[in-house]
Amino acid sequence: MISVLQKKFIYAKKIIKGVRFLKTLAQEIESRTGINVFNCYQCGKCSAGCVFSYLMDTPPHLLMRYIQLDMREKALSSNTFFGCGACVTCSFRCPREIDVLRVINTVKSIAMEGKILPRNKSLEDVRIFDKIFLDNIVRNERADEFSLGLSFNLKSGKLLKDVSLLPVLSEKDKFAVKEKAASRNIKKVVNKLK
């Protein structure tokens, strides 16, 4: 059953062969995940517990509100999903048991499909990083910061980006070769993500 609030956000768009009903952002998220974002009552616990919220222009609870109000442009151009560390704290803290992380990841997928760029991010850089990160996990069975950074700089054409951090990384022994973790399941998980 659709609530009065949800009915307000249903809209139609005329196209050549008649009328096509477009889904609101909330409906699209619900059809992909089964999560009803209208269950969120804006308590703010997800944002209060988020250790990465300082990196976000839109904290998780505000992103949920943008989705509820079908403020598609604000929600999809937010950098929330790029600042998210996927620690799942937001989902665990939600008193309504909403999987906030899954909503954030779904918003990211919708934004990437629509080639909507968040502020200060390049879609190509995001794609490059995602691929390099997953390849790095498969190859090293962990996130190797040095090879990850080096590979990203080479493939993105930003060769000297963060070169000033080399002395700091050297002091913290980030160049040392470490033994690989004994886990074959990592490759299976990463292949499923691709």
N, C-alpha and C. Protein backbone atom coordinates (compact mmCIF):
# COMPACT_ATOMS: atom_id res chain seq x y z
N MET A 1 0.84 -1.18 0.00
CA MET A 1 0.00 0.00 0.00
C MET A 1 0.89 1.24 0.00
N ILE A 2 0.59 2.18 -0.87
CA ILE A 2 1.39 3.40 -1.01
C ILE A 2 0.84 4.48 -0.08
N SER A 3 1.72 5.10 0.69
CA SER A 3 1.30 6.15 1.61
C SER A 3 0.99 7.44 0.84
N VAL A 4 0.35 8.37 1.53
CA VAL A 4 0.03 9.67 0.92
C VAL A 4 1.31 10.38 0.50
N LEU A 5 2.34 10.31 1.35
CA LEU A 5 3.61 10.95 1.03
C LEU A 5 4.23 10.35 -0.23
N GLN A 6 4.15 9.03 -0.36
CA GLN A 6 4.71 8.37 -1.53
C GLN A 6 3.92 8.75 -2.79
N LYS A 7 2.60 8.88 -2.67
CA LYS A 7 1.78 9.24 -3.83
C LYS A 7 2.16 10.62 -4.37
N LYS A 8 2.56 11.51 -3.48
CA LYS A 8 2.93 12.86 -3.91
C LYS A 8 4.14 12.86 -4.83
N PHE A 9 4.97 11.85 -4.71
CA PHE A 9 6.21 11.82 -5.48
C PHE A 9 6.14 10.98 -6.75
N ILE A 10 4.97 10.42 -7.03
CA ILE A 10 4.81 9.66 -8.27
C ILE A 10 4.51 10.67 -9.38
N TYR A 11 5.24 10.60 -10.44
CA TYR A 11 5.02 11.54 -11.52
C TYR A 11 5.08 10.83 -12.86
N ALA A 12 4.53 11.46 -13.86
CA ALA A 12 4.51 10.87 -15.19
C ALA A 12 5.26 11.76 -16.15
N LYS A 13 5.82 11.15 -17.18
CA LYS A 13 6.55 11.91 -18.20
C LYS A 13 6.04 11.45 -19.56
N LYS A 14 5.64 12.41 -20.38
CA LYS A 14 5.15 12.06 -21.72
C LYS A 14 6.32 11.73 -22.62
N ILE A 15 6.18 10.66 -23.35
CA ILE A 15 7.14 10.33 -24.38
C ILE A 15 6.36 10.08 -25.66
N ILE A 16 7.03 9.86 -26.74
CA ILE A 16 6.39 9.79 -28.06
C ILE A 16 5.22 8.82 -28.10
N LYS A 17 5.33 7.67 -27.52
CA LYS A 17 4.29 6.64 -27.62
C LYS A 17 3.32 6.64 -26.44
N GLY A 18 3.15 7.73 -25.77
CA GLY A 18 2.18 7.77 -24.68
C GLY A 18 2.80 8.25 -23.39
N VAL A 19 2.30 7.74 -22.29
CA VAL A 19 2.77 8.17 -20.98
C VAL A 19 3.57 7.04 -20.34
N ARG A 20 4.73 7.39 -19.84
CA ARG A 20 5.58 6.40 -19.16
C ARG A 20 5.72 6.85 -17.72
N PHE A 21 5.43 5.97 -16.78
CA PHE A 21 5.55 6.32 -15.37
C PHE A 21 6.97 6.03 -14.90
N LEU A 22 7.58 7.04 -14.35
CA LEU A 22 8.93 6.89 -13.83
C LEU A 22 8.87 6.66 -12.33
N LYS A 23 9.77 5.87 -11.84
CA LYS A 23 9.82 5.61 -10.41
C LYS A 23 10.49 6.76 -9.69
N THR A 24 10.05 7.00 -8.47
CA THR A 24 10.77 7.95 -7.63
C THR A 24 12.05 7.23 -7.19
N LEU A 25 12.97 7.98 -6.64
CA LEU A 25 14.21 7.38 -6.17
C LEU A 25 13.93 6.36 -5.06
N ALA A 26 12.99 6.69 -4.18
CA ALA A 26 12.62 5.75 -3.10
C ALA A 26 12.06 4.46 -3.67
N GLN A 27 11.23 4.56 -4.70
CA GLN A 27 10.65 3.36 -5.30
C GLN A 27 11.72 2.54 -6.02
N GLU A 28 12.65 3.23 -6.66
CA GLU A 28 13.72 2.52 -7.35
C GLU A 28 14.59 1.76 -6.36
N ILE A 29 14.90 2.40 -5.24
CA ILE A 29 15.70 1.73 -4.21
C ILE A 29 14.94 0.55 -3.63
N GLU A 30 13.64 0.74 -3.39
CA GLU A 30 12.85 -0.37 -2.84
C GLU A 30 12.76 -1.53 -3.82
N SER A 31 12.64 -1.23 -5.12
CA SER A 31 12.55 -2.33 -6.09
C SER A 31 13.87 -3.08 -6.22
N ARG A 32 14.98 -2.40 -5.97
CA ARG A 32 16.29 -3.06 -6.07
C ARG A 32 16.67 -3.79 -4.79
N THR A 33 16.27 -3.24 -3.64
CA THR A 33 16.75 -3.78 -2.36
C THR A 33 15.67 -4.33 -1.45
N GLY A 34 14.43 -3.92 -1.66
CA GLY A 34 13.35 -4.31 -0.75
C GLY A 34 13.30 -3.42 0.48
N ILE A 35 14.11 -2.37 0.52
CA ILE A 35 14.16 -1.48 1.69
C ILE A 35 13.24 -0.29 1.46
N ASN A 36 12.34 -0.06 2.41
CA ASN A 36 11.44 1.08 2.35
C ASN A 36 12.08 2.24 3.12
N VAL A 37 12.58 3.24 2.40
CA VAL A 37 13.28 4.35 3.07
C VAL A 37 12.33 5.24 3.86
N PHE A 38 11.03 5.08 3.64
CA PHE A 38 10.06 5.86 4.40
C PHE A 38 9.94 5.38 5.84
N ASN A 39 10.56 4.24 6.16
CA ASN A 39 10.61 3.78 7.55
C ASN A 39 11.56 4.63 8.38
N CYS A 40 12.45 5.37 7.73
CA CYS A 40 13.40 6.23 8.44
C CYS A 40 12.68 7.45 9.00
N TYR A 41 12.82 7.69 10.30
CA TYR A 41 12.16 8.86 10.89
C TYR A 41 13.17 9.93 11.32
N GLN A 42 14.35 9.88 10.72
CA GLN A 42 15.34 10.95 10.86
C GLN A 42 15.84 11.17 12.29
N CYS A 43 16.12 10.09 12.98
CA CYS A 43 16.65 10.22 14.34
C CYS A 43 18.10 10.69 14.33
N GLY A 44 18.82 10.38 13.23
CA GLY A 44 20.20 10.83 13.09
C GLY A 44 21.24 9.91 13.72
N LYS A 45 20.83 8.74 14.23
CA LYS A 45 21.79 7.83 14.86
C LYS A 45 22.81 7.30 13.86
N CYS A 46 22.38 7.12 12.61
CA CYS A 46 23.31 6.62 11.58
C CYS A 46 24.44 7.63 11.37
N SER A 47 24.09 8.89 11.30
CA SER A 47 25.10 9.94 11.08
C SER A 47 25.95 10.17 12.32
N ALA A 48 25.32 10.10 13.49
CA ALA A 48 26.05 10.32 14.75
C ALA A 48 27.10 9.24 14.97
N GLY A 49 26.83 8.01 14.53
CA GLY A 49 27.76 6.92 14.73
C GLY A 49 28.78 6.76 13.61
N CYS A 50 28.59 7.50 12.53
CA CYS A 50 29.46 7.34 11.36
C CYS A 50 30.82 8.00 11.59
N VAL A 51 31.87 7.20 11.57
CA VAL A 51 33.21 7.74 11.79
C VAL A 51 33.74 8.47 10.56
N PHE A 52 33.08 8.30 9.41
CA PHE A 52 33.53 8.94 8.18
C PHE A 52 32.65 10.12 7.78
N SER A 53 31.70 10.50 8.62
CA SER A 53 30.76 11.56 8.24
C SER A 53 31.46 12.89 7.96
N TYR A 54 32.63 13.09 8.55
CA TYR A 54 33.35 14.34 8.29
C TYR A 54 33.83 14.42 6.84
N LEU A 55 33.89 13.30 6.14
CA LEU A 55 34.30 13.27 4.74
C LEU A 55 33.11 13.50 3.80
N MET A 56 31.92 13.47 4.33
CA MET A 56 30.71 13.52 3.50
C MET A 56 30.11 14.91 3.47
N ASP A 57 29.63 15.32 2.30
CA ASP A 57 28.90 16.58 2.22
C ASP A 57 27.45 16.38 2.66
N THR A 58 26.99 15.14 2.62
CA THR A 58 25.63 14.80 3.04
C THR A 58 25.70 13.59 3.96
N PRO A 59 25.47 13.77 5.27
CA PRO A 59 25.52 12.61 6.16
C PRO A 59 24.39 11.63 5.84
N PRO A 60 24.53 10.38 6.28
CA PRO A 60 23.56 9.34 5.93
C PRO A 60 22.10 9.69 6.19
N HIS A 61 21.79 10.29 7.34
CA HIS A 61 20.38 10.59 7.63
C HIS A 61 19.82 11.63 6.66
N LEU A 62 20.65 12.57 6.23
CA LEU A 62 20.20 13.58 5.28
C LEU A 62 20.04 12.98 3.89
N LEU A 63 20.91 12.04 3.54
CA LEU A 63 20.77 11.33 2.26
C LEU A 63 19.43 10.58 2.23
N MET A 64 19.10 9.94 3.35
CA MET A 64 17.81 9.24 3.44
C MET A 64 16.65 10.23 3.24
N ARG A 65 16.78 11.43 3.79
CA ARG A 65 15.72 12.43 3.65
C ARG A 65 15.61 12.89 2.20
N TYR A 66 16.73 13.10 1.54
CA TYR A 66 16.72 13.48 0.12
C TYR A 66 16.00 12.41 -0.70
N ILE A 67 16.24 11.16 -0.36
CA ILE A 67 15.58 10.06 -1.08
C ILE A 67 14.08 10.08 -0.82
N GLN A 68 13.69 10.28 0.43
CA GLN A 68 12.27 10.33 0.77
C GLN A 68 11.56 11.46 0.03
N LEU A 69 12.22 12.59 -0.12
CA LEU A 69 11.61 13.75 -0.78
C LEU A 69 11.83 13.74 -2.29
N ASP A 70 12.42 12.68 -2.81
CA ASP A 70 12.74 12.52 -4.23
C ASP A 70 13.59 13.68 -4.75
N MET A 71 14.52 14.10 -3.92
CA MET A 71 15.47 15.13 -4.34
C MET A 71 16.64 14.41 -5.01
N ARG A 72 16.31 13.85 -6.16
CA ARG A 72 17.19 12.96 -6.91
C ARG A 72 18.57 13.58 -7.16
N GLU A 73 18.58 14.81 -7.64
CA GLU A 73 19.86 15.45 -7.99
C GLU A 73 20.77 15.59 -6.77
N LYS A 74 20.20 16.03 -5.66
CA LYS A 74 21.01 16.19 -4.44
C LYS A 74 21.50 14.84 -3.92
N ALA A 75 20.64 13.85 -3.96
CA ALA A 75 21.02 12.52 -3.44
C ALA A 75 22.09 11.88 -4.32
N LEU A 76 21.90 11.93 -5.63
CA LEU A 76 22.82 11.24 -6.52
C LEU A 76 24.14 11.98 -6.72
N SER A 77 24.16 13.30 -6.53
CA SER A 77 25.42 14.04 -6.71
C SER A 77 26.16 14.23 -5.38
N SER A 78 25.62 13.64 -4.33
CA SER A 78 26.28 13.71 -3.02
C SER A 78 27.55 12.84 -3.04
N ASN A 79 28.51 13.17 -2.20
CA ASN A 79 29.72 12.34 -2.14
C ASN A 79 29.67 11.35 -0.98
N THR A 80 28.49 11.14 -0.42
CA THR A 80 28.33 10.26 0.74
C THR A 80 28.91 8.88 0.49
N PHE A 81 28.60 8.29 -0.67
CA PHE A 81 29.05 6.92 -0.92
C PHE A 81 30.55 6.84 -1.17
N PHE A 82 31.20 7.96 -1.50
CA PHE A 82 32.65 7.93 -1.68
C PHE A 82 33.37 8.13 -0.34
N GLY A 83 32.70 8.76 0.61
CA GLY A 83 33.29 8.93 1.93
C GLY A 83 33.01 7.76 2.85
N CYS A 84 32.09 6.90 2.45
CA CYS A 84 31.66 5.78 3.27
C CYS A 84 32.76 4.72 3.37
N GLY A 85 33.02 4.28 4.58
CA GLY A 85 34.03 3.24 4.80
C GLY A 85 33.43 1.84 4.84
N ALA A 86 32.13 1.71 4.61
CA ALA A 86 31.41 0.43 4.61
C ALA A 86 31.60 -0.34 5.91
N CYS A 87 31.63 0.40 7.02
CA CYS A 87 31.85 -0.24 8.33
C CYS A 87 30.55 -0.80 8.91
N VAL A 88 29.40 -0.46 8.34
CA VAL A 88 28.07 -0.94 8.70
C VAL A 88 27.57 -0.39 10.03
N THR A 89 28.27 0.57 10.61
CA THR A 89 27.84 1.16 11.87
C THR A 89 26.46 1.80 11.71
N CYS A 90 26.24 2.48 10.59
CA CYS A 90 24.95 3.15 10.35
C CYS A 90 23.80 2.15 10.39
N SER A 91 23.98 1.01 9.77
CA SER A 91 22.93 0.00 9.73
C SER A 91 22.70 -0.62 11.11
N PHE A 92 23.78 -0.85 11.86
CA PHE A 92 23.64 -1.44 13.20
C PHE A 92 22.97 -0.48 14.17
N ARG A 93 23.20 0.82 14.00
CA ARG A 93 22.66 1.80 14.93
C ARG A 93 21.21 2.17 14.64
N CYS A 94 20.70 1.84 13.47
CA CYS A 94 19.35 2.25 13.08
C CYS A 94 18.29 1.57 13.94
N PRO A 95 17.49 2.34 14.68
CA PRO A 95 16.45 1.73 15.51
C PRO A 95 15.32 1.11 14.68
N ARG A 96 15.22 1.48 13.41
CA ARG A 96 14.19 0.92 12.53
C ARG A 96 14.73 -0.25 11.72
N GLU A 97 15.99 -0.62 11.99
CA GLU A 97 16.67 -1.76 11.35
C GLU A 97 16.73 -1.62 9.82
N ILE A 98 16.94 -0.38 9.36
CA ILE A 98 17.11 -0.12 7.93
C ILE A 98 18.57 -0.40 7.60
N ASP A 99 18.81 -1.09 6.52
CA ASP A 99 20.18 -1.35 6.07
C ASP A 99 20.66 -0.11 5.31
N VAL A 100 21.12 0.88 6.07
CA VAL A 100 21.52 2.18 5.52
C VAL A 100 22.68 2.01 4.54
N LEU A 101 23.62 1.15 4.86
CA LEU A 101 24.76 0.92 3.97
C LEU A 101 24.29 0.42 2.60
N ARG A 102 23.32 -0.48 2.61
CA ARG A 102 22.81 -1.01 1.34
C ARG A 102 22.13 0.10 0.53
N VAL A 103 21.43 1.00 1.22
CA VAL A 103 20.80 2.14 0.54
C VAL A 103 21.88 3.03 -0.08
N ILE A 104 22.93 3.31 0.70
CA ILE A 104 24.03 4.14 0.20
C ILE A 104 24.67 3.50 -1.03
N ASN A 105 24.93 2.21 -0.97
CA ASN A 105 25.53 1.51 -2.12
C ASN A 105 24.60 1.50 -3.33
N THR A 106 23.31 1.41 -3.10
CA THR A 106 22.35 1.43 -4.20
C THR A 106 22.30 2.81 -4.84
N VAL A 107 22.35 3.85 -4.02
CA VAL A 107 22.41 5.22 -4.56
C VAL A 107 23.67 5.39 -5.41
N LYS A 108 24.77 4.82 -4.95
CA LYS A 108 26.02 4.89 -5.72
C LYS A 108 25.84 4.20 -7.07
N SER A 109 25.22 3.02 -7.06
CA SER A 109 25.00 2.28 -8.31
C SER A 109 24.13 3.07 -9.28
N ILE A 110 23.06 3.67 -8.77
CA ILE A 110 22.16 4.46 -9.62
C ILE A 110 22.91 5.66 -10.19
N ALA A 111 23.72 6.32 -9.35
CA ALA A 111 24.49 7.47 -9.82
C ALA A 111 25.50 7.07 -10.89
N MET A 112 26.17 5.94 -10.69
CA MET A 112 27.16 5.48 -11.66
C MET A 112 26.48 5.08 -12.97
N GLU A 113 25.32 4.44 -12.89
CA GLU A 113 24.59 4.06 -14.11
C GLU A 113 24.17 5.30 -14.90
N GLY A 114 23.78 6.35 -14.18
CA GLY A 114 23.35 7.59 -14.83
C GLY A 114 24.49 8.54 -15.13
N LYS A 115 25.72 8.10 -14.83
CA LYS A 115 26.92 8.91 -15.03
C LYS A 115 26.79 10.27 -14.36
N ILE A 116 26.22 10.25 -13.14
CA ILE A 116 26.08 11.46 -12.36
C ILE A 116 27.29 11.58 -11.45
N LEU A 117 28.00 12.66 -11.57
CA LEU A 117 29.23 12.83 -10.82
C LEU A 117 28.99 13.58 -9.52
N PRO A 118 29.56 13.10 -8.43
CA PRO A 118 29.52 13.88 -7.20
C PRO A 118 30.48 15.06 -7.34
N ARG A 119 30.29 16.03 -6.49
CA ARG A 119 31.19 17.18 -6.52
C ARG A 119 32.63 16.73 -6.28
N ASN A 120 33.55 17.29 -7.02
CA ASN A 120 34.99 17.05 -6.88
C ASN A 120 35.41 15.60 -7.15
N LYS A 121 34.65 14.88 -7.89
CA LYS A 121 35.05 13.50 -8.23
C LYS A 121 34.93 13.32 -9.73
N SER A 122 35.80 12.53 -10.27
CA SER A 122 35.73 12.18 -11.68
C SER A 122 35.23 10.75 -11.78
N LEU A 123 34.23 10.54 -12.61
CA LEU A 123 33.68 9.20 -12.76
C LEU A 123 34.76 8.23 -13.22
N GLU A 124 35.63 8.69 -14.09
CA GLU A 124 36.70 7.82 -14.58
C GLU A 124 37.64 7.43 -13.44
N ASP A 125 37.98 8.39 -12.57
CA ASP A 125 38.83 8.09 -11.41
C ASP A 125 38.19 7.04 -10.51
N VAL A 126 36.88 7.17 -10.32
CA VAL A 126 36.16 6.22 -9.46
C VAL A 126 36.21 4.82 -10.07
N ARG A 127 35.97 4.73 -11.35
CA ARG A 127 36.02 3.43 -12.03
C ARG A 127 37.42 2.83 -11.97
N ILE A 128 38.42 3.67 -12.20
CA ILE A 128 39.81 3.20 -12.14
C ILE A 128 40.12 2.67 -10.74
N PHE A 129 39.75 3.44 -9.71
CA PHE A 129 40.05 3.04 -8.34
C PHE A 129 39.32 1.75 -7.98
N ASP A 130 38.03 1.65 -8.32
CA ASP A 130 37.28 0.43 -8.00
C ASP A 130 37.95 -0.81 -8.59
N LYS A 131 38.34 -0.73 -9.85
CA LYS A 131 38.98 -1.87 -10.52
C LYS A 131 40.33 -2.19 -9.88
N ILE A 132 41.15 -1.16 -9.65
CA ILE A 132 42.47 -1.38 -9.06
C ILE A 132 42.33 -1.96 -7.65
N PHE A 133 41.38 -1.46 -6.88
CA PHE A 133 41.19 -1.94 -5.52
C PHE A 133 40.84 -3.43 -5.51
N LEU A 134 39.88 -3.83 -6.34
CA LEU A 134 39.49 -5.24 -6.38
C LEU A 134 40.62 -6.13 -6.89
N ASP A 135 41.34 -5.65 -7.92
CA ASP A 135 42.49 -6.41 -8.43
C ASP A 135 43.57 -6.55 -7.36
N ASN A 136 43.76 -5.48 -6.58
CA ASN A 136 44.76 -5.47 -5.52
C ASN A 136 44.40 -6.51 -4.45
N ILE A 137 43.13 -6.59 -4.10
CA ILE A 137 42.68 -7.57 -3.10
C ILE A 137 42.90 -8.99 -3.62
N VAL A 138 42.56 -9.23 -4.88
CA VAL A 138 42.74 -10.57 -5.46
C VAL A 138 44.22 -10.94 -5.49
N ARG A 139 45.06 -10.01 -5.92
CA ARG A 139 46.49 -10.29 -6.07
C ARG A 139 47.18 -10.44 -4.71
N ASN A 140 46.91 -9.54 -3.77
CA ASN A 140 47.63 -9.53 -2.49
C ASN A 140 46.85 -10.13 -1.33
N GLU A 141 45.57 -10.43 -1.57
CA GLU A 141 44.67 -10.94 -0.54
C GLU A 141 44.53 -9.99 0.64
N ARG A 142 44.75 -8.73 0.37
CA ARG A 142 44.57 -7.64 1.34
C ARG A 142 44.74 -6.34 0.57
N ALA A 143 44.40 -5.23 1.20
CA ALA A 143 44.59 -3.92 0.57
C ALA A 143 46.02 -3.45 0.83
N ASP A 144 46.82 -3.44 -0.18
CA ASP A 144 48.20 -2.98 -0.08
C ASP A 144 48.24 -1.52 -0.50
N GLU A 145 48.34 -0.62 0.48
CA GLU A 145 48.21 0.81 0.22
C GLU A 145 49.23 1.33 -0.80
N PHE A 146 50.45 0.87 -0.70
CA PHE A 146 51.49 1.39 -1.59
C PHE A 146 51.21 1.03 -3.05
N SER A 147 50.97 -0.26 -3.31
CA SER A 147 50.72 -0.66 -4.70
C SER A 147 49.39 -0.10 -5.21
N LEU A 148 48.43 0.05 -4.31
CA LEU A 148 47.14 0.64 -4.67
C LEU A 148 47.33 2.09 -5.13
N GLY A 149 48.04 2.87 -4.32
CA GLY A 149 48.30 4.26 -4.66
C GLY A 149 49.13 4.41 -5.92
N LEU A 150 50.16 3.60 -6.04
CA LEU A 150 51.04 3.65 -7.21
C LEU A 150 50.27 3.29 -8.48
N SER A 151 49.50 2.22 -8.43
CA SER A 151 48.71 1.79 -9.59
C SER A 151 47.70 2.86 -9.99
N PHE A 152 47.03 3.45 -8.99
CA PHE A 152 46.04 4.49 -9.29
C PHE A 152 46.71 5.69 -9.96
N ASN A 153 47.83 6.13 -9.41
CA ASN A 153 48.53 7.28 -9.99
C ASN A 153 48.96 7.00 -11.42
N LEU A 154 49.46 5.80 -11.69
CA LEU A 154 49.89 5.45 -13.04
C LEU A 154 48.72 5.40 -14.02
N LYS A 155 47.63 4.73 -13.61
CA LYS A 155 46.50 4.55 -14.52
C LYS A 155 45.65 5.80 -14.68
N SER A 156 45.66 6.68 -13.70
CA SER A 156 44.86 7.91 -13.80
C SER A 156 45.65 9.05 -14.43
N GLY A 157 46.96 8.84 -14.65
CA GLY A 157 47.78 9.87 -15.28
C GLY A 157 48.24 10.95 -14.30
N LYS A 158 48.09 10.70 -13.01
CA LYS A 158 48.50 11.66 -11.99
C LYS A 158 49.75 11.12 -11.29
N LEU A 159 50.83 11.07 -12.05
CA LEU A 159 52.04 10.38 -11.60
C LEU A 159 52.62 10.91 -10.29
N LEU A 160 52.60 12.21 -10.10
CA LEU A 160 53.24 12.79 -8.92
C LEU A 160 52.26 13.10 -7.79
N LYS A 161 51.01 12.66 -7.93
CA LYS A 161 50.03 12.90 -6.89
C LYS A 161 50.47 12.18 -5.61
N ASP A 162 50.44 12.87 -4.51
CA ASP A 162 50.78 12.33 -3.19
C ASP A 162 52.23 11.89 -3.04
N VAL A 163 53.12 12.35 -3.92
CA VAL A 163 54.53 11.96 -3.83
C VAL A 163 55.16 12.49 -2.53
N SER A 164 54.58 13.56 -1.99
CA SER A 164 55.10 14.11 -0.73
C SER A 164 54.88 13.16 0.45
N LEU A 165 54.02 12.16 0.29
CA LEU A 165 53.75 11.20 1.36
C LEU A 165 54.77 10.06 1.42
N LEU A 166 55.64 9.96 0.42
CA LEU A 166 56.61 8.85 0.39
C LEU A 166 57.47 8.76 1.65
N PRO A 167 58.01 9.88 2.16
CA PRO A 167 58.81 9.76 3.40
C PRO A 167 57.98 9.25 4.58
N VAL A 168 56.74 9.67 4.68
CA VAL A 168 55.88 9.22 5.78
C VAL A 168 55.59 7.73 5.65
N LEU A 169 55.29 7.28 4.43
CA LEU A 169 55.04 5.86 4.20
C LEU A 169 56.28 5.02 4.49
N SER A 170 57.42 5.56 4.13
CA SER A 170 58.68 4.85 4.36
C SER A 170 58.92 4.67 5.86
N GLU A 171 58.68 5.73 6.63
CA GLU A 171 58.87 5.66 8.08
C GLU A 171 57.93 4.64 8.72
N LYS A 172 56.73 4.50 8.18
CA LYS A 172 55.74 3.58 8.74
C LYS A 172 55.85 2.18 8.15
N ASP A 173 56.92 1.93 7.40
CA ASP A 173 57.20 0.60 6.84
C ASP A 173 56.09 0.11 5.92
N LYS A 174 55.54 1.01 5.11
CA LYS A 174 54.48 0.62 4.19
C LYS A 174 55.02 -0.02 2.92
N PHE A 175 56.34 0.01 2.74
CA PHE A 175 56.94 -0.58 1.55
C PHE A 175 57.32 -2.04 1.76
N ALA A 176 57.30 -2.48 2.99
CA ALA A 176 57.73 -3.84 3.30
C ALA A 176 56.78 -4.86 2.67
N VAL A 177 57.36 -5.93 2.15
CA VAL A 177 56.56 -7.00 1.56
C VAL A 177 56.10 -7.90 2.70
N LYS A 178 54.82 -8.10 2.77
CA LYS A 178 54.26 -8.91 3.85
C LYS A 178 53.74 -10.22 3.28
N GLU A 179 53.67 -11.23 4.12
CA GLU A 179 53.15 -12.53 3.69
C GLU A 179 51.68 -12.41 3.34
N LYS A 180 51.27 -13.17 2.34
CA LYS A 180 49.87 -13.16 1.94
C LYS A 180 49.04 -13.92 2.96
N ALA A 181 47.83 -13.44 3.17
CA ALA A 181 46.90 -14.13 4.06
C ALA A 181 46.47 -15.42 3.39
N ALA A 182 46.23 -16.43 4.17
CA ALA A 182 45.85 -17.73 3.61
C ALA A 182 44.33 -17.79 3.46
N SER A 183 43.82 -17.22 2.37
CA SER A 183 42.38 -17.25 2.14
C SER A 183 42.06 -17.32 0.66
N ARG A 184 41.45 -18.40 0.24
CA ARG A 184 41.06 -18.53 -1.17
C ARG A 184 39.67 -17.97 -1.41
N ASN A 185 38.93 -17.77 -0.33
CA ASN A 185 37.57 -17.25 -0.46
C ASN A 185 37.55 -15.80 -0.93
N ILE A 186 38.62 -15.07 -0.69
CA ILE A 186 38.67 -13.67 -1.08
C ILE A 186 38.49 -13.53 -2.59
N LYS A 187 39.17 -14.37 -3.36
CA LYS A 187 39.06 -14.30 -4.82
C LYS A 187 37.62 -14.58 -5.27
N LYS A 188 36.95 -15.51 -4.61
CA LYS A 188 35.57 -15.82 -4.98
C LYS A 188 34.66 -14.63 -4.69
N VAL A 189 34.85 -13.99 -3.54
CA VAL A 189 34.03 -12.84 -3.17
C VAL A 189 34.25 -11.68 -4.13
N VAL A 190 35.50 -11.39 -4.44
CA VAL A 190 35.83 -10.29 -5.34
C VAL A 190 35.29 -10.55 -6.74
N ASN A 191 35.40 -11.78 -7.20
CA ASN A 191 34.86 -12.12 -8.53
C ASN A 191 33.35 -11.93 -8.58
N LYS A 192 32.66 -12.20 -7.48
CA LYS A 192 31.23 -11.97 -7.43
C LYS A 192 30.92 -10.47 -7.48
N LEU A 193 31.78 -9.66 -6.85
CA LEU A 193 31.58 -8.20 -6.86
C LEU A 193 31.78 -7.60 -8.24
N LYS A 194 32.66 -8.20 -9.02
CA LYS A 194 32.91 -7.69 -10.37
C LYS A 194 31.72 -7.95 -11.23
